[in-house]
Amino acid sequence: MEEPLTEDEVKALANMTLKMQNEYDPMSPDNVNARRKADEEYREEVAQATARRNDRIRASGCEPAGRYPSR
């Protein structure tokens, strides 16, 4: 007769199962959340880079691309 699993063994088994699910299922909740977080971080990084670029362009006395000088 086998002994029941200890609490640590149950947690390890659950973690291993979750890891396997994440490896094989791109739509698992963990993978979806990870992609969403990465997308938000990327968008924030692009916004900051754009703001820095525009600040440098304005400091040089020019207008940022896509904007027309007021007449």
N, C-alpha and C. Protein backbone atom coordinates (compact mmCIF):
# COMPACT_ATOMS: atom_id res chain seq x y z
N MET A 1 0.84 -1.18 0.00
CA MET A 1 0.00 0.00 0.00
C MET A 1 0.88 1.25 0.00
N GLU A 2 0.53 2.21 -0.82
CA GLU A 2 1.32 3.44 -0.91
C GLU A 2 0.88 4.44 0.15
N GLU A 3 1.87 5.20 0.60
CA GLU A 3 1.56 6.26 1.54
C GLU A 3 1.00 7.46 0.78
N PRO A 4 0.11 8.22 1.41
CA PRO A 4 -0.39 9.41 0.74
C PRO A 4 0.73 10.44 0.59
N LEU A 5 0.57 11.30 -0.39
CA LEU A 5 1.59 12.33 -0.63
C LEU A 5 1.60 13.34 0.50
N THR A 6 2.79 13.84 0.80
CA THR A 6 2.89 14.89 1.81
C THR A 6 2.44 16.20 1.17
N GLU A 7 2.24 17.20 1.99
CA GLU A 7 1.81 18.51 1.48
C GLU A 7 2.85 19.09 0.52
N ASP A 8 4.13 18.93 0.84
CA ASP A 8 5.19 19.42 -0.04
C ASP A 8 5.19 18.68 -1.38
N GLU A 9 4.95 17.39 -1.34
CA GLU A 9 4.90 16.61 -2.58
C GLU A 9 3.70 17.01 -3.44
N VAL A 10 2.59 17.30 -2.80
CA VAL A 10 1.40 17.75 -3.54
C VAL A 10 1.68 19.09 -4.21
N LYS A 11 2.33 20.01 -3.48
CA LYS A 11 2.68 21.32 -4.05
C LYS A 11 3.66 21.17 -5.21
N ALA A 12 4.64 20.30 -5.05
CA ALA A 12 5.61 20.07 -6.12
C ALA A 12 4.93 19.49 -7.36
N LEU A 13 4.01 18.56 -7.15
CA LEU A 13 3.28 17.96 -8.26
C LEU A 13 2.41 19.01 -8.96
N ALA A 14 1.76 19.86 -8.18
CA ALA A 14 0.92 20.92 -8.76
C ALA A 14 1.78 21.90 -9.57
N ASN A 15 2.94 22.26 -9.04
CA ASN A 15 3.84 23.18 -9.75
C ASN A 15 4.35 22.55 -11.04
N MET A 16 4.68 21.28 -10.99
CA MET A 16 5.17 20.59 -12.19
C MET A 16 4.06 20.52 -13.24
N THR A 17 2.83 20.26 -12.81
CA THR A 17 1.70 20.19 -13.73
C THR A 17 1.45 21.56 -14.37
N LEU A 18 1.51 22.62 -13.58
CA LEU A 18 1.32 23.97 -14.09
C LEU A 18 2.41 24.34 -15.09
N LYS A 19 3.64 23.96 -14.77
CA LYS A 19 4.76 24.23 -15.68
C LYS A 19 4.56 23.51 -17.01
N MET A 20 4.14 22.26 -16.95
CA MET A 20 3.90 21.49 -18.18
C MET A 20 2.76 22.12 -18.99
N GLN A 21 1.72 22.55 -18.31
CA GLN A 21 0.59 23.19 -19.01
C GLN A 21 1.07 24.46 -19.71
N ASN A 22 1.88 25.26 -19.03
CA ASN A 22 2.38 26.50 -19.62
C ASN A 22 3.28 26.23 -20.81
N GLU A 23 4.05 25.14 -20.76
CA GLU A 23 4.95 24.82 -21.87
C GLU A 23 4.18 24.42 -23.12
N TYR A 24 3.03 23.78 -22.96
CA TYR A 24 2.31 23.23 -24.10
C TYR A 24 1.07 24.02 -24.51
N ASP A 25 0.63 24.94 -23.69
CA ASP A 25 -0.61 25.68 -23.99
C ASP A 25 -0.33 27.18 -24.04
N PRO A 26 -0.22 27.75 -25.24
CA PRO A 26 0.07 29.19 -25.33
C PRO A 26 -1.07 30.05 -24.81
N MET A 27 -2.25 29.48 -24.66
CA MET A 27 -3.38 30.26 -24.17
C MET A 27 -3.66 30.01 -22.68
N SER A 28 -2.71 29.41 -21.97
CA SER A 28 -2.91 29.21 -20.54
C SER A 28 -2.95 30.59 -19.87
N PRO A 29 -3.64 30.71 -18.75
CA PRO A 29 -3.74 32.01 -18.09
C PRO A 29 -2.38 32.64 -17.79
N ASP A 30 -1.42 31.83 -17.36
CA ASP A 30 -0.09 32.38 -17.06
C ASP A 30 0.58 32.93 -18.31
N ASN A 31 0.47 32.21 -19.43
CA ASN A 31 1.09 32.68 -20.67
C ASN A 31 0.39 33.93 -21.20
N VAL A 32 -0.92 33.97 -21.11
CA VAL A 32 -1.67 35.14 -21.56
C VAL A 32 -1.27 36.35 -20.72
N ASN A 33 -1.21 36.18 -19.41
CA ASN A 33 -0.82 37.28 -18.53
C ASN A 33 0.62 37.72 -18.79
N ALA A 34 1.51 36.78 -19.04
CA ALA A 34 2.91 37.13 -19.32
C ALA A 34 3.01 37.93 -20.61
N ARG A 35 2.27 37.53 -21.63
CA ARG A 35 2.29 38.29 -22.90
C ARG A 35 1.69 39.68 -22.71
N ARG A 36 0.62 39.77 -21.96
CA ARG A 36 -0.02 41.07 -21.70
C ARG A 36 0.96 41.99 -20.97
N LYS A 37 1.63 41.46 -19.96
CA LYS A 37 2.59 42.27 -19.19
C LYS A 37 3.74 42.71 -20.09
N ALA A 38 4.26 41.80 -20.90
CA ALA A 38 5.36 42.14 -21.81
C ALA A 38 4.92 43.21 -22.81
N ASP A 39 3.69 43.13 -23.30
CA ASP A 39 3.18 44.12 -24.24
C ASP A 39 3.06 45.48 -23.58
N GLU A 40 2.55 45.52 -22.34
CA GLU A 40 2.44 46.79 -21.62
C GLU A 40 3.81 47.40 -21.38
N GLU A 41 4.78 46.57 -20.98
CA GLU A 41 6.14 47.07 -20.75
C GLU A 41 6.75 47.60 -22.05
N TYR A 42 6.52 46.90 -23.16
CA TYR A 42 7.03 47.34 -24.45
C TYR A 42 6.42 48.69 -24.84
N ARG A 43 5.10 48.81 -24.70
CA ARG A 43 4.43 50.06 -25.07
C ARG A 43 4.94 51.22 -24.22
N GLU A 44 5.15 50.97 -22.93
CA GLU A 44 5.68 52.02 -22.04
C GLU A 44 7.09 52.42 -22.46
N GLU A 45 7.91 51.44 -22.78
CA GLU A 45 9.28 51.71 -23.21
C GLU A 45 9.30 52.52 -24.51
N VAL A 46 8.43 52.18 -25.45
CA VAL A 46 8.35 52.92 -26.72
C VAL A 46 7.87 54.35 -26.45
N ALA A 47 6.88 54.52 -25.58
CA ALA A 47 6.38 55.86 -25.27
C ALA A 47 7.47 56.72 -24.64
N GLN A 48 8.25 56.13 -23.74
CA GLN A 48 9.33 56.89 -23.11
C GLN A 48 10.41 57.24 -24.13
N ALA A 49 10.75 56.31 -25.02
CA ALA A 49 11.76 56.58 -26.04
C ALA A 49 11.28 57.67 -26.99
N THR A 50 10.00 57.64 -27.34
CA THR A 50 9.44 58.67 -28.22
C THR A 50 9.49 60.03 -27.54
N ALA A 51 9.14 60.07 -26.27
CA ALA A 51 9.18 61.34 -25.53
C ALA A 51 10.61 61.88 -25.45
N ARG A 52 11.57 60.99 -25.20
CA ARG A 52 12.98 61.44 -25.14
C ARG A 52 13.43 61.98 -26.50
N ARG A 53 13.06 61.27 -27.57
CA ARG A 53 13.42 61.71 -28.92
C ARG A 53 12.80 63.07 -29.22
N ASN A 54 11.52 63.23 -28.91
CA ASN A 54 10.85 64.51 -29.17
C ASN A 54 11.47 65.63 -28.36
N ASP A 55 11.85 65.35 -27.11
CA ASP A 55 12.51 66.37 -26.29
C ASP A 55 13.83 66.80 -26.90
N ARG A 56 14.60 65.83 -27.41
CA ARG A 56 15.88 66.17 -28.05
C ARG A 56 15.66 66.99 -29.31
N ILE A 57 14.65 66.61 -30.09
CA ILE A 57 14.36 67.35 -31.32
C ILE A 57 13.92 68.77 -30.99
N ARG A 58 13.05 68.93 -30.00
CA ARG A 58 12.61 70.28 -29.62
C ARG A 58 13.78 71.10 -29.11
N ALA A 59 14.68 70.47 -28.35
CA ALA A 59 15.84 71.19 -27.82
C ALA A 59 16.74 71.68 -28.95
N SER A 60 16.70 71.00 -30.09
CA SER A 60 17.54 71.41 -31.22
C SER A 60 16.87 72.54 -32.02
N GLY A 61 15.62 72.86 -31.68
CA GLY A 61 14.93 73.93 -32.37
C GLY A 61 14.07 73.47 -33.52
N CYS A 62 13.98 72.17 -33.75
CA CYS A 62 13.16 71.62 -34.83
C CYS A 62 11.86 71.09 -34.26
N GLU A 63 10.95 70.79 -35.16
CA GLU A 63 9.68 70.18 -34.76
C GLU A 63 9.79 68.66 -34.92
N PRO A 64 9.15 67.89 -34.04
CA PRO A 64 9.15 66.43 -34.21
C PRO A 64 8.49 66.03 -35.52
N ALA A 65 8.87 64.90 -36.06
CA ALA A 65 8.32 64.41 -37.32
C ALA A 65 6.81 64.26 -37.23
N GLY A 66 6.15 64.55 -38.34
CA GLY A 66 4.70 64.41 -38.37
C GLY A 66 3.96 65.64 -37.90
N ARG A 67 4.68 66.65 -37.48
CA ARG A 67 4.03 67.88 -37.03
C ARG A 67 4.44 69.00 -37.97
N TYR A 68 3.51 69.84 -38.25
CA TYR A 68 3.79 70.96 -39.13
C TYR A 68 3.89 72.23 -38.30
N PRO A 69 4.82 73.10 -38.67
CA PRO A 69 4.95 74.35 -37.90
C PRO A 69 3.68 75.19 -38.04
N SER A 70 3.35 75.87 -36.96
CA SER A 70 2.17 76.74 -37.03
C SER A 70 2.51 77.97 -37.85
N ARG A 71 1.54 78.41 -38.57
CA ARG A 71 1.75 79.60 -39.43
C ARG A 71 0.94 80.74 -38.94
